[in-house]
Amino acid sequence: RSGEKCACVLLEQLELTQSGLSYHM
């Protein structure tokens, strides 16, 4: 909601693995 984010930023802020984030995205 606050604007575009890089996957690396999302990973830093969420308790997800890279594969978990990829699945949700």
PDB file of all heavy atoms in Angstrom:
ATOM      1  N   ARG A   1       0.826  -1.217   0.000  1.00  0.00           N
ATOM      2  CA  ARG A   1       0.000   0.000   0.000  1.00  0.00           C
ATOM      3  C   ARG A   1       0.858   1.264   0.000  1.00  0.00           C
ATOM      4  O   ARG A   1       0.443   2.301  -0.506  1.00  0.00           O
ATOM      5  CB  ARG A   1      -0.924   0.010   1.210  1.00  0.00           C
ATOM      6  CG  ARG A   1      -2.043  -1.024   1.091  1.00  0.00           C
ATOM      7  CD  ARG A   1      -2.974  -0.993   2.271  1.00  0.00           C
ATOM      8  NE  ARG A   1      -3.672   0.282   2.274  1.00  0.00           N
ATOM      9  CZ  ARG A   1      -4.157   0.853   3.376  1.00  0.00           C
ATOM     10  NH1 ARG A   1      -4.011   0.281   4.546  1.00  0.00           N
ATOM     11  NH2 ARG A   1      -4.788   2.005   3.296  1.00  0.00           N
ATOM     12  N   SER A   2       2.069   1.181   0.549  1.00  0.00           N
ATOM     13  CA  SER A   2       2.937   2.361   0.595  1.00  0.00           C
ATOM     14  C   SER A   2       3.766   2.529  -0.673  1.00  0.00           C
ATOM     15  O   SER A   2       4.558   3.458  -0.773  1.00  0.00           O
ATOM     16  CB  SER A   2       3.854   2.303   1.819  1.00  0.00           C
ATOM     17  OG  SER A   2       4.714   1.185   1.735  1.00  0.00           O
ATOM     18  N   GLY A   3       3.592   1.630  -1.646  1.00  0.00           N
ATOM     19  CA  GLY A   3       4.302   1.756  -2.913  1.00  0.00           C
ATOM     20  C   GLY A   3       5.011   0.481  -3.312  1.00  0.00           C
ATOM     21  O   GLY A   3       5.008  -0.514  -2.589  1.00  0.00           O
ATOM     22  N   GLU A   4       5.609   0.547  -4.496  1.00  0.00           N
ATOM     23  CA  GLU A   4       6.308  -0.610  -5.053  1.00  0.00           C
ATOM     24  C   GLU A   4       7.418  -1.065  -4.113  1.00  0.00           C
ATOM     25  O   GLU A   4       8.110  -0.254  -3.510  1.00  0.00           O
ATOM     26  CB  GLU A   4       6.892  -0.230  -6.415  1.00  0.00           C
ATOM     27  CG  GLU A   4       7.579  -1.386  -7.112  1.00  0.00           C
ATOM     28  CD  GLU A   4       8.116  -0.996  -8.467  1.00  0.00           C
ATOM     29  OE1 GLU A   4       9.227  -0.418  -8.514  1.00  0.00           O
ATOM     30  OE2 GLU A   4       7.433  -1.255  -9.464  1.00  0.00           O
ATOM     31  N   LYS A   5       7.559  -2.390  -4.017  1.00  0.00           N
ATOM     32  CA  LYS A   5       8.602  -2.961  -3.171  1.00  0.00           C
ATOM     33  C   LYS A   5       9.331  -4.060  -3.929  1.00  0.00           C
ATOM     34  O   LYS A   5       8.734  -4.851  -4.655  1.00  0.00           O
ATOM     35  CB  LYS A   5       7.999  -3.603  -1.917  1.00  0.00           C
ATOM     36  CG  LYS A   5       7.196  -2.702  -1.026  1.00  0.00           C
ATOM     37  CD  LYS A   5       8.072  -2.001  -0.031  1.00  0.00           C
ATOM     38  CE  LYS A   5       7.302  -1.188   0.972  1.00  0.00           C
ATOM     39  NZ  LYS A   5       6.519  -0.090   0.446  1.00  0.00           N
ATOM     40  N   CYS A   6      10.621  -4.110  -3.708  1.00  0.00           N
ATOM     41  CA  CYS A   6      11.454  -5.187  -4.229  1.00  0.00           C
ATOM     42  C   CYS A   6      11.194  -6.431  -3.386  1.00  0.00           C
ATOM     43  O   CYS A   6      10.893  -6.331  -2.186  1.00  0.00           O
ATOM     44  CB  CYS A   6      12.921  -4.772  -4.124  1.00  0.00           C
ATOM     45  SG  CYS A   6      14.075  -6.073  -4.621  1.00  0.00           S
ATOM     46  N   ALA A   7      11.317  -7.594  -3.995  1.00  0.00           N
ATOM     47  CA  ALA A   7      11.145  -8.845  -3.259  1.00  0.00           C
ATOM     48  C   ALA A   7      12.078  -8.903  -2.057  1.00  0.00           C
ATOM     49  O   ALA A   7      11.705  -9.409  -0.991  1.00  0.00           O
ATOM     50  CB  ALA A   7      11.377 -10.039  -4.179  1.00  0.00           C
ATOM     51  N   CYS A   8      13.270  -8.346  -2.187  1.00  0.00           N
ATOM     52  CA  CYS A   8      14.223  -8.376  -1.066  1.00  0.00           C
ATOM     53  C   CYS A   8      13.691  -7.581   0.128  1.00  0.00           C
ATOM     54  O   CYS A   8      13.890  -7.970   1.279  1.00  0.00           O
ATOM     55  CB  CYS A   8      15.589  -7.858  -1.500  1.00  0.00           C
ATOM     56  SG  CYS A   8      15.614  -6.145  -2.070  1.00  0.00           S
ATOM     57  N   VAL A   9      12.997  -6.488  -0.119  1.00  0.00           N
ATOM     58  CA  VAL A   9      12.412  -5.680   0.956  1.00  0.00           C
ATOM     59  C   VAL A   9      11.273  -6.447   1.615  1.00  0.00           C
ATOM     60  O   VAL A   9      11.144  -6.460   2.850  1.00  0.00           O
ATOM     61  CB  VAL A   9      11.923  -4.315   0.416  1.00  0.00           C
ATOM     62  CG1 VAL A   9      11.128  -3.558   1.463  1.00  0.00           C
ATOM     63  CG2 VAL A   9      13.110  -3.493  -0.069  1.00  0.00           C
ATOM     64  N   LEU A  10      10.448  -7.090   0.809  1.00  0.00           N
ATOM     65  CA  LEU A  10       9.347  -7.881   1.358  1.00  0.00           C
ATOM     66  C   LEU A  10       9.887  -9.016   2.232  1.00  0.00           C
ATOM     67  O   LEU A  10       9.351  -9.289   3.301  1.00  0.00           O
ATOM     68  CB  LEU A  10       8.470  -8.436   0.236  1.00  0.00           C
ATOM     69  CG  LEU A  10       7.696  -7.397  -0.575  1.00  0.00           C
ATOM     70  CD1 LEU A  10       7.008  -8.052  -1.766  1.00  0.00           C
ATOM     71  CD2 LEU A  10       6.692  -6.660   0.292  1.00  0.00           C
ATOM     72  N   LEU A  11      10.967  -9.651   1.777  1.00  0.00           N
ATOM     73  CA  LEU A  11      11.568 -10.737   2.559  1.00  0.00           C
ATOM     74  C   LEU A  11      12.070 -10.236   3.907  1.00  0.00           C
ATOM     75  O   LEU A  11      11.937 -10.934   4.920  1.00  0.00           O
ATOM     76  CB  LEU A  11      12.723 -11.381   1.785  1.00  0.00           C
ATOM     77  CG  LEU A  11      12.331 -12.369   0.712  1.00  0.00           C
ATOM     78  CD1 LEU A  11      13.538 -12.759  -0.131  1.00  0.00           C
ATOM     79  CD2 LEU A  11      11.677 -13.605   1.326  1.00  0.00           C
ATOM     80  N   GLU A  12      12.639  -9.053   3.941  1.00  0.00           N
ATOM     81  CA  GLU A  12      13.139  -8.476   5.188  1.00  0.00           C
ATOM     82  C   GLU A  12      12.012  -8.213   6.183  1.00  0.00           C
ATOM     83  O   GLU A  12      12.218  -8.323   7.392  1.00  0.00           O
ATOM     84  CB  GLU A  12      13.874  -7.157   4.926  1.00  0.00           C
ATOM     85  CG  GLU A  12      15.195  -7.306   4.234  1.00  0.00           C
ATOM     86  CD  GLU A  12      15.806  -5.959   3.856  1.00  0.00           C
ATOM     87  OE1 GLU A  12      15.248  -4.904   4.236  1.00  0.00           O
ATOM     88  OE2 GLU A  12      16.850  -5.967   3.178  1.00  0.00           O
ATOM     89  N   GLN A  13      10.846  -7.847   5.682  1.00  0.00           N
ATOM     90  CA  GLN A  13       9.754  -7.427   6.547  1.00  0.00           C
ATOM     91  C   GLN A  13       8.784  -8.545   6.914  1.00  0.00           C
ATOM     92  O   GLN A  13       7.938  -8.360   7.792  1.00  0.00           O
ATOM     93  CB  GLN A  13       9.004  -6.261   5.901  1.00  0.00           C
ATOM     94  CG  GLN A  13       9.907  -5.055   5.733  1.00  0.00           C
ATOM     95  CD  GLN A  13       9.172  -3.845   5.190  1.00  0.00           C
ATOM     96  OE1 GLN A  13       7.966  -3.749   5.264  1.00  0.00           O
ATOM     97  NE2 GLN A  13       9.931  -2.912   4.642  1.00  0.00           N
ATOM     98  N   LEU A  14       8.875  -9.669   6.246  1.00  0.00           N
ATOM     99  CA  LEU A  14       7.959 -10.781   6.499  1.00  0.00           C
ATOM    100  C   LEU A  14       8.732 -11.994   6.992  1.00  0.00           C
ATOM    101  O   LEU A  14       9.914 -12.144   6.722  1.00  0.00           O
ATOM    102  CB  LEU A  14       7.213 -11.150   5.209  1.00  0.00           C
ATOM    103  CG  LEU A  14       6.364 -10.042   4.597  1.00  0.00           C
ATOM    104  CD1 LEU A  14       5.966 -10.421   3.179  1.00  0.00           C
ATOM    105  CD2 LEU A  14       5.143  -9.781   5.455  1.00  0.00           C
ATOM    106  N   GLU A  15       8.063 -12.844   7.707  1.00  0.00           N
ATOM    107  CA  GLU A  15       8.686 -14.079   8.175  1.00  0.00           C
ATOM    108  C   GLU A  15       8.419 -15.192   7.168  1.00  0.00           C
ATOM    109  O   GLU A  15       7.709 -16.147   7.447  1.00  0.00           O
ATOM    110  CB  GLU A  15       8.150 -14.442   9.558  1.00  0.00           C
ATOM    111  CG  GLU A  15       8.553 -13.449  10.631  1.00  0.00           C
ATOM    112  CD  GLU A  15       8.038 -13.831  11.994  1.00  0.00           C
ATOM    113  OE1 GLU A  15       7.728 -15.019  12.229  1.00  0.00           O
ATOM    114  OE2 GLU A  15       7.952 -12.934  12.840  1.00  0.00           O
ATOM    115  N   LEU A  16       8.989 -15.022   5.985  1.00  0.00           N
ATOM    116  CA  LEU A  16       8.819 -15.988   4.907  1.00  0.00           C
ATOM    117  C   LEU A  16      10.177 -16.338   4.319  1.00  0.00           C
ATOM    118  O   LEU A  16      11.087 -15.524   4.315  1.00  0.00           O
ATOM    119  CB  LEU A  16       7.956 -15.397   3.781  1.00  0.00           C
ATOM    120  CG  LEU A  16       6.485 -15.124   4.070  1.00  0.00           C
ATOM    121  CD1 LEU A  16       5.855 -14.362   2.903  1.00  0.00           C
ATOM    122  CD2 LEU A  16       5.738 -16.423   4.309  1.00  0.00           C
ATOM    123  N   THR A  17      10.257 -17.542   3.786  1.00  0.00           N
ATOM    124  CA  THR A  17      11.445 -17.904   3.015  1.00  0.00           C
ATOM    125  C   THR A  17      11.280 -17.328   1.616  1.00  0.00           C
ATOM    126  O   THR A  17      10.185 -16.886   1.231  1.00  0.00           O
ATOM    127  CB  THR A  17      11.568 -19.437   2.905  1.00  0.00           C
ATOM    128  OG1 THR A  17      10.422 -19.934   2.205  1.00  0.00           O
ATOM    129  CG2 THR A  17      11.660 -20.093   4.281  1.00  0.00           C
ATOM    130  N   GLN A  18      12.333 -17.344   0.832  1.00  0.00           N
ATOM    131  CA  GLN A  18      12.246 -16.835  -0.533  1.00  0.00           C
ATOM    132  C   GLN A  18      11.249 -17.666  -1.344  1.00  0.00           C
ATOM    133  O   GLN A  18      10.447 -17.116  -2.096  1.00  0.00           O
ATOM    134  CB  GLN A  18      13.611 -16.825  -1.205  1.00  0.00           C
ATOM    135  CG  GLN A  18      13.570 -16.136  -2.555  1.00  0.00           C
ATOM    136  CD  GLN A  18      14.944 -15.767  -3.068  1.00  0.00           C
ATOM    137  OE1 GLN A  18      15.946 -15.970  -2.392  1.00  0.00           O
ATOM    138  NE2 GLN A  18      15.005 -15.211  -4.258  1.00  0.00           N
ATOM    139  N   SER A  19      11.254 -18.975  -1.155  1.00  0.00           N
ATOM    140  CA  SER A  19      10.300 -19.814  -1.897  1.00  0.00           C
ATOM    141  C   SER A  19       8.873 -19.553  -1.412  1.00  0.00           C
ATOM    142  O   SER A  19       7.929 -19.578  -2.217  1.00  0.00           O
ATOM    143  CB  SER A  19      10.653 -21.296  -1.774  1.00  0.00           C
ATOM    144  OG  SER A  19      10.560 -21.725  -0.431  1.00  0.00           O
ATOM    145  N   GLY A  20       8.697 -19.286  -0.128  1.00  0.00           N
ATOM    146  CA  GLY A  20       7.373 -18.953   0.406  1.00  0.00           C
ATOM    147  C   GLY A  20       6.854 -17.650  -0.171  1.00  0.00           C
ATOM    148  O   GLY A  20       5.693 -17.547  -0.576  1.00  0.00           O
ATOM    149  N   LEU A  21       7.729 -16.641  -0.227  1.00  0.00           N
ATOM    150  CA  LEU A  21       7.336 -15.362  -0.809  1.00  0.00           C
ATOM    151  C   LEU A  21       6.991 -15.534  -2.284  1.00  0.00           C
ATOM    152  O   LEU A  21       5.977 -15.010  -2.760  1.00  0.00           O
ATOM    153  CB  LEU A  21       8.447 -14.315  -0.658  1.00  0.00           C
ATOM    154  CG  LEU A  21       8.142 -12.959  -1.289  1.00  0.00           C
ATOM    155  CD1 LEU A  21       6.959 -12.284  -0.594  1.00  0.00           C
ATOM    156  CD2 LEU A  21       9.376 -12.065  -1.271  1.00  0.00           C
ATOM    157  N   SER A  22       7.797 -16.292  -2.988  1.00  0.00           N
ATOM    158  CA  SER A  22       7.551 -16.532  -4.411  1.00  0.00           C
ATOM    159  C   SER A  22       6.185 -17.177  -4.624  1.00  0.00           C
ATOM    160  O   SER A  22       5.434 -16.790  -5.531  1.00  0.00           O
ATOM    161  CB  SER A  22       8.658 -17.421  -4.979  1.00  0.00           C
ATOM    162  OG  SER A  22       8.410 -17.700  -6.329  1.00  0.00           O
ATOM    163  N   TYR A  23       5.839 -18.136  -3.789  1.00  0.00           N
ATOM    164  CA  TYR A  23       4.538 -18.812  -3.878  1.00  0.00           C
ATOM    165  C   TYR A  23       3.400 -17.804  -3.701  1.00  0.00           C
ATOM    166  O   TYR A  23       2.455 -17.770  -4.489  1.00  0.00           O
ATOM    167  CB  TYR A  23       4.462 -19.913  -2.810  1.00  0.00           C
ATOM    168  CG  TYR A  23       3.079 -20.490  -2.640  1.00  0.00           C
ATOM    169  CD1 TYR A  23       2.566 -21.403  -3.549  1.00  0.00           C
ATOM    170  CD2 TYR A  23       2.291 -20.117  -1.553  1.00  0.00           C
ATOM    171  CE1 TYR A  23       1.293 -21.927  -3.392  1.00  0.00           C
ATOM    172  CE2 TYR A  23       1.015 -20.637  -1.384  1.00  0.00           C
ATOM    173  CZ  TYR A  23       0.522 -21.539  -2.305  1.00  0.00           C
ATOM    174  OH  TYR A  23      -0.743 -22.056  -2.151  1.00  0.00           O
ATOM    175  N   HIS A  24       3.473 -16.988  -2.662  1.00  0.00           N
ATOM    176  CA  HIS A  24       2.420 -16.018  -2.395  1.00  0.00           C
ATOM    177  C   HIS A  24       2.337 -14.943  -3.486  1.00  0.00           C
ATOM    178  O   HIS A  24       1.238 -14.533  -3.881  1.00  0.00           O
ATOM    179  CB  HIS A  24       2.619 -15.374  -1.020  1.00  0.00           C
ATOM    180  CG  HIS A  24       2.377 -16.321   0.104  1.00  0.00           C
ATOM    181  ND1 HIS A  24       1.160 -16.924   0.334  1.00  0.00           N
ATOM    182  CD2 HIS A  24       3.205 -16.792   1.070  1.00  0.00           C
ATOM    183  CE1 HIS A  24       1.240 -17.713   1.387  1.00  0.00           C
ATOM    184  NE2 HIS A  24       2.480 -17.656   1.857  1.00  0.00           N
ATOM    185  N   MET A  25       3.478 -14.517  -3.998  1.00  0.00           N
ATOM    186  CA  MET A  25       3.471 -13.487  -5.042  1.00  0.00           C
ATOM    187  C   MET A  25       2.883 -14.043  -6.335  1.00  0.00           C
ATOM    188  O   MET A  25       2.205 -13.324  -7.067  1.00  0.00           O
ATOM    189  CB  MET A  25       4.877 -12.935  -5.270  1.00  0.00           C
ATOM    190  CG  MET A  25       5.471 -12.231  -4.058  1.00  0.00           C
ATOM    191  SD  MET A  25       4.360 -11.086  -3.204  1.00  0.00           S
ATOM    192  CE  MET A  25       4.004  -9.898  -4.439  1.00  0.00           C
TER     193      MET A  25
END
